[in-house]
Amino acid sequence: MARYASVDRAVCVACGTCAAVCPKGAAAVPDGRWAVIDTARCVGCGLCARACPAGCVALAERGAAV
């Protein structure tokens, strides 16, 4: 099953690291409060989850409850 990234908003520090490493441009910090992931663009590579200094990005299975 395909994966996608999701962000725990309570932990996110809006540093933008996820957006900087995302090869598909799926991660962004549009309002400066927390990161958001465009799940339509996310390919589930996990680069953002590995790079996140706050540990707030996780991979979830598409179709699974987050």
Protein backbone atom coordinates (compact mmCIF):
# COMPACT_ATOMS: atom_id res chain seq x y z
CA MET A 1 0.00 0.00 0.00
CA ALA A 2 1.23 3.51 -0.79
CA ARG A 3 2.31 5.89 1.94
CA TYR A 4 2.11 9.63 2.50
CA ALA A 5 3.51 12.04 5.08
CA SER A 6 1.43 13.58 7.83
CA VAL A 7 2.30 16.29 10.35
CA ASP A 8 1.58 16.39 14.08
CA ARG A 9 0.64 20.06 14.38
CA ALA A 10 1.05 20.03 18.16
CA VAL A 11 4.76 19.23 17.77
CA CYS A 12 5.64 21.09 14.55
CA VAL A 13 7.86 24.16 15.01
CA ALA A 14 7.33 25.45 11.43
CA CYS A 15 11.05 25.37 10.64
CA GLY A 16 10.50 24.52 6.96
CA THR A 17 13.01 21.65 6.85
CA CYS A 18 10.41 19.31 5.38
CA ALA A 19 9.67 21.75 2.58
CA ALA A 20 13.37 22.17 1.86
CA VAL A 21 13.99 18.44 1.40
CA CYS A 22 10.76 17.39 -0.35
CA PRO A 23 11.61 16.43 -3.95
CA LYS A 24 7.98 16.83 -5.07
CA GLY A 25 7.19 20.14 -3.37
CA ALA A 26 4.47 18.48 -1.30
CA ALA A 27 5.50 20.03 2.03
CA ALA A 28 5.06 23.70 2.91
CA VAL A 29 4.63 26.04 5.87
CA PRO A 30 2.10 28.41 4.31
CA ASP A 31 0.92 30.25 7.42
CA GLY A 32 4.07 30.05 9.54
CA ARG A 33 2.34 28.01 12.25
CA TRP A 34 2.92 24.41 11.10
CA ALA A 35 3.80 22.38 8.07
CA VAL A 36 1.17 20.98 5.76
CA ILE A 37 1.53 18.13 3.29
CA ASP A 38 -0.21 18.07 -0.07
CA THR A 39 -1.09 14.37 -0.07
CA ALA A 40 -1.85 14.46 -3.80
CA ARG A 41 1.79 15.40 -4.49
CA CYS A 42 3.41 13.34 -1.71
CA VAL A 43 5.04 10.12 -2.93
CA GLY A 44 5.80 8.76 0.55
CA CYS A 45 9.59 8.79 0.19
CA GLY A 46 10.09 9.69 3.86
CA LEU A 47 12.78 12.33 3.35
CA CYS A 48 10.75 14.87 5.29
CA ALA A 49 10.18 12.49 8.20
CA ARG A 50 13.90 11.70 8.45
CA ALA A 51 14.92 15.36 8.19
CA CYS A 52 12.40 16.84 10.63
CA PRO A 53 14.27 18.08 13.73
CA ALA A 54 11.07 18.10 15.81
CA GLY A 55 10.10 14.56 14.81
CA CYS A 56 6.58 15.66 13.91
CA VAL A 57 6.38 14.13 10.43
CA ALA A 58 5.34 10.50 10.10
CA LEU A 59 4.40 8.26 7.22
CA ALA A 60 0.92 6.79 7.08
CA GLU A 61 -0.63 4.26 4.76
CA ARG A 62 -3.03 5.74 2.22
CA GLY A 63 -6.56 4.80 3.21
CA ALA A 64 -5.63 4.26 6.88
CA ALA A 65 -6.94 6.44 9.69
CA VAL A 66 -4.36 8.99 10.85
